[in-house]
C-alpha atoms as a PDB file:
ATOM      1  CA  MET A   1      65.533  12.403  34.868  1.00  0.00           C
ATOM      2  CA  THR A   2      64.089  15.986  35.544  1.00  0.00           C
ATOM      3  CA  PHE A   3      60.963  17.326  34.570  1.00  0.00           C
ATOM      4  CA  ALA A   4      60.775  21.603  34.090  1.00  0.00           C
ATOM      5  CA  THR A   5      57.752  21.899  35.999  1.00  0.00           C
ATOM      6  CA  ARG A   6      54.399  19.739  37.263  1.00  0.00           C
ATOM      7  CA  ARG A   7      53.183  20.831  34.066  1.00  0.00           C
ATOM      8  CA  ASP A   8      55.890  18.841  32.334  1.00  0.00           C
ATOM      9  CA  ALA A   9      55.739  16.253  34.006  1.00  0.00           C
ATOM     10  CA  GLY A  10      52.074  15.677  33.850  1.00  0.00           C
ATOM     11  CA  ARG A  11      52.288  16.027  29.780  1.00  0.00           C
ATOM     12  CA  GLN A  12      55.159  13.253  29.591  1.00  0.00           C
ATOM     13  CA  LEU A  13      53.350  11.149  32.214  1.00  0.00           C
ATOM     14  CA  ALA A  14      50.407  11.147  30.134  1.00  0.00           C
ATOM     15  CA  GLU A  15      52.082  10.129  26.612  1.00  0.00           C
ATOM     16  CA  PHE A  16      53.897   7.620  28.884  1.00  0.00           C
ATOM     17  CA  LEU A  17      50.089   6.240  29.891  1.00  0.00           C
ATOM     18  CA  VAL A  18      48.651   6.592  26.466  1.00  0.00           C
ATOM     19  CA  GLY A  19      51.607   4.352  25.002  1.00  0.00           C
ATOM     20  CA  ARG A  20      51.305   1.914  27.922  1.00  0.00           C
ATOM     21  CA  LYS A  21      47.620   1.928  26.402  1.00  0.00           C
ATOM     22  CA  VAL A  22      46.313   2.622  30.534  1.00  0.00           C
ATOM     23  CA  ARG A  23      42.372   3.007  30.667  1.00  0.00           C
ATOM     24  CA  ALA A  24      40.178   4.802  33.279  1.00  0.00           C
ATOM     25  CA  ASP A  25      37.019   6.416  33.745  1.00  0.00           C
ATOM     26  CA  LEU A  26      38.082   9.032  35.977  1.00  0.00           C
ATOM     27  CA  VAL A  27      41.274  10.748  36.981  1.00  0.00           C
ATOM     28  CA  LEU A  28      42.162  11.981  40.784  1.00  0.00           C
ATOM     29  CA  GLY A  29      44.846  14.121  41.774  1.00  0.00           C
ATOM     30  CA  LEU A  30      46.070  14.016  45.029  1.00  0.00           C
ATOM     31  CA  PRO A  31      45.969  17.792  46.553  1.00  0.00           C
ATOM     32  CA  ARG A  32      47.919  19.941  45.736  1.00  0.00           C
ATOM     33  CA  GLY A  33      50.624  19.236  43.574  1.00  0.00           C
ATOM     34  CA  GLY A  34      49.329  16.102  41.860  1.00  0.00           C
ATOM     35  CA  VAL A  35      46.296  17.962  41.020  1.00  0.00           C
ATOM     36  CA  VAL A  36      48.818  19.869  38.570  1.00  0.00           C
ATOM     37  CA  VAL A  37      50.263  16.778  36.868  1.00  0.00           C
ATOM     38  CA  ALA A  38      46.793  14.892  37.075  1.00  0.00           C
ATOM     39  CA  ALA A  39      45.121  17.945  34.784  1.00  0.00           C
ATOM     40  CA  GLU A  40      47.436  17.312  32.231  1.00  0.00           C
ATOM     41  CA  VAL A  41      46.752  13.641  32.429  1.00  0.00           C
ATOM     42  CA  ALA A  42      43.094  14.235  32.480  1.00  0.00           C
ATOM     43  CA  ARG A  43      43.412  16.673  29.352  1.00  0.00           C
ATOM     44  CA  GLU A  44      45.634  14.254  27.272  1.00  0.00           C
ATOM     45  CA  MET A  45      43.383  11.255  28.328  1.00  0.00           C
ATOM     46  CA  ASN A  46      39.912  13.177  27.647  1.00  0.00           C
ATOM     47  CA  LEU A  47      39.105  12.322  30.970  1.00  0.00           C
ATOM     48  CA  PRO A  48      37.013  13.906  33.777  1.00  0.00           C
ATOM     49  CA  LEU A  49      39.279  15.435  36.556  1.00  0.00           C
ATOM     50  CA  ASP A  50      38.707  15.572  40.187  1.00  0.00           C
ATOM     51  CA  VAL A  51      40.600  15.110  43.609  1.00  0.00           C
ATOM     52  CA  LEU A  52      40.864  12.888  46.446  1.00  0.00           C
ATOM     53  CA  VAL A  53      41.816  14.046  49.789  1.00  0.00           C
ATOM     54  CA  VAL A  54      44.007  12.880  51.730  1.00  0.00           C
ATOM     55  CA  ARG A  55      45.596  14.640  55.280  1.00  0.00           C
ATOM     56  CA  LYS A  56      48.731  13.148  57.278  1.00  0.00           C
ATOM     57  CA  ILE A  57      48.107  12.448  60.558  1.00  0.00           C
ATOM     58  CA  GLY A  58      51.336  13.560  62.674  1.00  0.00           C
ATOM     59  CA  HIS A  59      53.390  12.198  65.861  1.00  0.00           C
ATOM     60  CA  PRO A  60      51.921  14.218  68.717  1.00  0.00           C
ATOM     61  CA  SER A  61      55.592  15.239  69.533  1.00  0.00           C
ATOM     62  CA  GLN A  62      56.555  15.613  66.070  1.00  0.00           C
ATOM     63  CA  ARG A  63      53.619  16.726  64.103  1.00  0.00           C
ATOM     64  CA  GLU A  64      55.652  16.249  60.338  1.00  0.00           C
ATOM     65  CA  PHE A  65      56.209  12.482  61.497  1.00  0.00           C
ATOM     66  CA  ALA A  66      53.532  10.748  60.000  1.00  0.00           C
ATOM     67  CA  VAL A  67      51.658   7.599  61.809  1.00  0.00           C
ATOM     68  CA  GLY A  68      48.770   7.536  59.730  1.00  0.00           C
ATOM     69  CA  ALA A  69      46.194   9.399  57.421  1.00  0.00           C
ATOM     70  CA  LEU A  70      43.064  10.176  56.641  1.00  0.00           C
ATOM     71  CA  ALA A  71      41.345  10.080  53.352  1.00  0.00           C
ATOM     72  CA  GLU A  72      37.679  11.429  52.017  1.00  0.00           C
ATOM     73  CA  PRO A  73      34.913  10.652  52.870  1.00  0.00           C
ATOM     74  CA  ASP A  74      36.043   9.654  56.275  1.00  0.00           C
ATOM     75  CA  PHE A  75      38.634   6.883  56.299  1.00  0.00           C
ATOM     76  CA  VAL A  76      41.083   6.852  59.010  1.00  0.00           C
ATOM     77  CA  PHE A  77      44.686   4.619  58.929  1.00  0.00           C
ATOM     78  CA  LEU A  78      47.118   4.289  61.794  1.00  0.00           C
ATOM     79  CA  ASN A  79      50.201   2.740  60.874  1.00  0.00           C
ATOM     80  CA  GLU A  80      50.263   0.734  64.465  1.00  0.00           C
ATOM     81  CA  LYS A  81      53.772  -0.909  63.551  1.00  0.00           C
ATOM     82  CA  THR A  82      55.118   2.804  63.416  1.00  0.00           C
ATOM     83  CA  LEU A  83      53.298   3.603  66.473  1.00  0.00           C
ATOM     84  CA  GLU A  84      54.568   0.825  68.420  1.00  0.00           C
ATOM     85  CA  GLU A  85      58.136   1.919  67.507  1.00  0.00           C
ATOM     86  CA  PHE A  86      57.258   5.353  68.372  1.00  0.00           C
ATOM     87  CA  PRO A  87      54.498   5.154  71.263  1.00  0.00           C
ATOM     88  CA  ALA A  88      51.657   8.024  71.734  1.00  0.00           C
ATOM     89  CA  GLU A  89      49.596   9.203  74.335  1.00  0.00           C
ATOM     90  CA  ARG A  90      46.159   7.994  72.516  1.00  0.00           C
ATOM     91  CA  LEU A  91      43.885  10.972  73.853  1.00  0.00           C
ATOM     92  CA  ALA A  92      46.635  13.081  71.917  1.00  0.00           C
ATOM     93  CA  LEU A  93      46.380  11.185  68.885  1.00  0.00           C
ATOM     94  CA  GLU A  94      43.034  11.372  68.712  1.00  0.00           C
ATOM     95  CA  GLU A  95      42.826  15.401  69.195  1.00  0.00           C
ATOM     96  CA  ILE A  96      45.030  15.367  66.034  1.00  0.00           C
ATOM     97  CA  ILE A  97      42.701  12.992  64.344  1.00  0.00           C
ATOM     98  CA  ALA A  98      40.037  15.306  65.170  1.00  0.00           C
ATOM     99  CA  GLU A  99      41.826  18.664  63.958  1.00  0.00           C
ATOM    100  CA  GLU A 100      43.081  16.794  60.791  1.00  0.00           C
ATOM    101  CA  LYS A 101      39.362  15.554  60.218  1.00  0.00           C
ATOM    102  CA  VAL A 102      37.691  19.374  60.007  1.00  0.00           C
ATOM    103  CA  ARG A 103      40.774  20.242  57.818  1.00  0.00           C
ATOM    104  CA  LEU A 104      39.708  17.178  55.674  1.00  0.00           C
ATOM    105  CA  ARG A 105      35.924  18.413  55.386  1.00  0.00           C
ATOM    106  CA  ARG A 106      37.178  21.972  54.722  1.00  0.00           C
ATOM    107  CA  TYR A 107      39.199  20.818  51.938  1.00  0.00           C
ATOM    108  CA  SER A 108      36.996  18.464  50.634  1.00  0.00           C
ATOM    109  CA  ASP A 109      33.973  21.130  50.529  1.00  0.00           C
ATOM    110  CA  LYS A 110      36.609  23.614  48.744  1.00  0.00           C
ATOM    111  CA  PHE A 111      37.419  21.265  45.937  1.00  0.00           C
ATOM    112  CA  HIS A 112      34.361  19.311  45.149  1.00  0.00           C
ATOM    113  CA  PHE A 113      32.484  22.318  44.305  1.00  0.00           C
ATOM    114  CA  ALA A 114      30.379  20.061  41.830  1.00  0.00           C
ATOM    115  CA  GLY A 115      29.768  17.547  44.137  1.00  0.00           C
ATOM    116  CA  MET A 116      31.809  14.457  45.688  1.00  0.00           C
ATOM    117  CA  PRO A 117      32.020  12.290  42.067  1.00  0.00           C
ATOM    118  CA  SER A 118      30.941   8.630  42.321  1.00  0.00           C
ATOM    119  CA  PHE A 119      33.823   5.839  41.783  1.00  0.00           C
ATOM    120  CA  SER A 120      31.201   2.733  42.004  1.00  0.00           C
ATOM    121  CA  GLY A 121      31.911   0.528  39.139  1.00  0.00           C
ATOM    122  CA  LYS A 122      34.391   3.187  37.909  1.00  0.00           C
ATOM    123  CA  ASP A 123      38.365   2.434  36.930  1.00  0.00           C
ATOM    124  CA  ILE A 124      40.364   5.268  39.126  1.00  0.00           C
ATOM    125  CA  LEU A 125      43.349   6.433  37.928  1.00  0.00           C
ATOM    126  CA  LEU A 126      44.940   8.273  40.579  1.00  0.00           C
ATOM    127  CA  VAL A 127      48.051  10.732  40.297  1.00  0.00           C
ATOM    128  CA  ASP A 128      50.712  12.408  42.191  1.00  0.00           C
ATOM    129  CA  ASP A 129      53.586  14.615  41.368  1.00  0.00           C
ATOM    130  CA  GLY A 130      55.950  11.703  43.096  1.00  0.00           C
ATOM    131  CA  LEU A 131      55.761   8.576  45.144  1.00  0.00           C
ATOM    132  CA  ALA A 132      58.475   8.958  48.151  1.00  0.00           C
ATOM    133  CA  THR A 133      57.264   6.491  50.788  1.00  0.00           C
ATOM    134  CA  GLY A 134      53.813   5.822  48.899  1.00  0.00           C
ATOM    135  CA  ALA A 135      51.655   6.119  51.965  1.00  0.00           C
ATOM    136  CA  THR A 136      49.740   9.109  50.585  1.00  0.00           C
ATOM    137  CA  ALA A 137      48.783   7.254  47.958  1.00  0.00           C
ATOM    138  CA  GLU A 138      48.527   3.804  50.232  1.00  0.00           C
ATOM    139  CA  ILE A 139      45.358   5.391  51.652  1.00  0.00           C
ATOM    140  CA  ALA A 140      44.038   6.579  48.505  1.00  0.00           C
ATOM    141  CA  VAL A 141      44.199   3.439  47.088  1.00  0.00           C
ATOM    142  CA  HIS A 142      41.939   1.830  49.991  1.00  0.00           C
ATOM    143  CA  SER A 143      39.647   5.052  50.017  1.00  0.00           C
ATOM    144  CA  ALA A 144      38.794   4.563  46.563  1.00  0.00           C
ATOM    145  CA  ARG A 145      38.350   0.638  47.075  1.00  0.00           C
ATOM    146  CA  ARG A 146      35.942   1.464  50.095  1.00  0.00           C
ATOM    147  CA  ARG A 147      34.001   3.643  47.847  1.00  0.00           C
ATOM    148  CA  GLU A 148      33.613   0.537  45.576  1.00  0.00           C
ATOM    149  CA  ALA A 149      35.801   1.495  42.686  1.00  0.00           C
ATOM    150  CA  ARG A 150      36.273  -1.486  40.232  1.00  0.00           C
ATOM    151  CA  ARG A 151      39.680  -0.996  39.862  1.00  0.00           C
ATOM    152  CA  VAL A 152      42.515   1.760  40.987  1.00  0.00           C
ATOM    153  CA  PHE A 153      45.630   2.438  39.336  1.00  0.00           C
ATOM    154  CA  ILE A 154      48.354   4.937  40.660  1.00  0.00           C
ATOM    155  CA  ALA A 155      50.559   6.993  38.216  1.00  0.00           C
ATOM    156  CA  ALA A 156      53.530   9.621  38.978  1.00  0.00           C
ATOM    157  CA  PRO A 157      56.530  11.012  37.246  1.00  0.00           C
ATOM    158  CA  VAL A 158      58.734   9.667  39.689  1.00  0.00           C
ATOM    159  CA  ALA A 159      58.778   7.393  42.603  1.00  0.00           C
ATOM    160  CA  SER A 160      61.129   5.403  45.549  1.00  0.00           C
ATOM    161  CA  ILE A 161      61.711   2.038  44.927  1.00  0.00           C
ATOM    162  CA  GLY A 162      59.944   1.072  48.143  1.00  0.00           C
ATOM    163  CA  ALA A 163      57.099   2.962  47.223  1.00  0.00           C
ATOM    164  CA  ILE A 164      56.576   1.059  44.150  1.00  0.00           C
ATOM    165  CA  GLU A 165      56.902  -2.115  46.348  1.00  0.00           C
ATOM    166  CA  ARG A 166      54.520  -1.114  48.432  1.00  0.00           C
ATOM    167  CA  LEU A 167      51.890   0.091  46.272  1.00  0.00           C
ATOM    168  CA  GLN A 168      51.994  -2.789  43.841  1.00  0.00           C
ATOM    169  CA  LYS A 169      50.727  -4.902  46.719  1.00  0.00           C
ATOM    170  CA  ILE A 170      47.579  -2.900  46.670  1.00  0.00           C
ATOM    171  CA  ALA A 171      46.955  -0.989  43.519  1.00  0.00           C
ATOM    172  CA  ASP A 172      45.566  -2.827  40.147  1.00  0.00           C
ATOM    173  CA  ALA A 173      48.553  -1.331  38.818  1.00  0.00           C
ATOM    174  CA  VAL A 174      51.172   1.168  39.041  1.00  0.00           C
ATOM    175  CA  GLU A 175      52.494   3.452  36.023  1.00  0.00           C
ATOM    176  CA  VAL A 176      55.938   5.565  36.641  1.00  0.00           C
ATOM    177  CA  LEU A 177      57.766   7.225  34.147  1.00  0.00           C
ATOM    178  CA  PHE A 178      61.431   7.300  36.444  1.00  0.00           C
ATOM    179  CA  VAL A 179      61.790   4.912  39.415  1.00  0.00           C
ATOM    180  CA  ASP A 180      65.044   5.973  41.262  1.00  0.00           C
ATOM    181  CA  LYS A 181      67.441   3.676  43.752  1.00  0.00           C
ATOM    182  CA  ASP A 182      68.492   6.757  44.890  1.00  0.00           C
ATOM    183  CA  PHE A 183      65.576   8.367  45.461  1.00  0.00           C
ATOM    184  CA  LYS A 184      65.602  11.294  48.365  1.00  0.00           C
ATOM    185  CA  ALA A 185      62.904  13.915  47.666  1.00  0.00           C
ATOM    186  CA  VAL A 186      60.364  14.506  45.250  1.00  0.00           C
ATOM    187  CA  GLY A 187      61.574  18.217  44.564  1.00  0.00           C
ATOM    188  CA  GLN A 188      65.090  17.225  43.141  1.00  0.00           C
ATOM    189  CA  TYR A 189      63.463  15.775  40.254  1.00  0.00           C
ATOM    190  CA  PHE A 190      61.818  19.266  39.019  1.00  0.00           C
ATOM    191  CA  GLN A 191      63.399  22.561  37.918  1.00  0.00           C
ATOM    192  CA  GLU A 192      60.754  24.424  39.546  1.00  0.00           C
ATOM    193  CA  PHE A 193      59.093  22.997  42.587  1.00  0.00           C
ATOM    194  CA  SER A 194      56.817  25.716  44.114  1.00  0.00           C
ATOM    195  CA  PRO A 195      53.999  25.016  46.365  1.00  0.00           C
ATOM    196  CA  THR A 196      50.989  24.600  44.886  1.00  0.00           C
ATOM    197  CA  THR A 197      48.097  26.775  45.978  1.00  0.00           C
ATOM    198  CA  ASP A 198      44.676  26.330  46.654  1.00  0.00           C
ATOM    199  CA  LYS A 199      43.527  28.852  43.872  1.00  0.00           C
ATOM    200  CA  GLU A 200      45.600  27.066  41.511  1.00  0.00           C
ATOM    201  CA  VAL A 201      43.779  23.547  42.361  1.00  0.00           C
ATOM    202  CA  ILE A 202      40.292  24.801  42.119  1.00  0.00           C
ATOM    203  CA  SER A 203      41.470  27.168  39.091  1.00  0.00           C
ATOM    204  CA  LEU A 204      42.168  23.676  37.140  1.00  0.00           C
ATOM    205  CA  LEU A 205      39.463  21.908  38.480  1.00  0.00           C
ATOM    206  CA  ARG A 206      37.030  24.420  36.938  1.00  0.00           C
ATOM    207  CA  GLU A 207      38.304  24.525  33.835  1.00  0.00           C
ATOM    208  CA  ASN A 208      38.471  20.662  33.183  1.00  0.00           C
ATOM    209  CA  HIS A 209      34.374  21.075  35.101  1.00  0.00           C
ATOM    210  CA  ALA A 210      33.898  23.751  32.043  1.00  0.00           C
ATOM    211  CA  MET A 211      35.467  21.302  29.319  1.00  0.00           C
END
């Protein structure tokens, strides 16, 4: 199964969610690509759209290798099992966490121009453009629960089996159009998968805010 663009995936995902009678109070896209998909879902379901900013914590010796993540407002998750297998010098790791906290606050200020939404007592629908490992979505769920969300759902156009199994343990529901046992990368399911810009994210959020 492939999608033309993230917008196409969002429209198809929205139709799927409506058919599944999924109900929520707020749609949150995971920046950046997830916001494009989430915007279509929010539009179709007539729900407010916002973001939940998450930043990867990379290993000091290989920054692309994630050993944890940050989620707004100030939630830090370190994968201790991964750090046992691939030890990192603690001071170097703390420096990376401090750097990513600065970036997280910068993105949070940029994207929450109308103020950060309240999650208290609400059903939250987290949307991403794909779930490879589920690590980013996992910390987003923990962050939403920490902010007193009533229920937290996850939705995506495509996911790996491993991500589904991981997220079903912590989310109230995981809704995915296509689960692939041979999953390799999110981009392989899109005909066009260019990087989403900050400008595009802000435009989508402003468009929703004006509705």
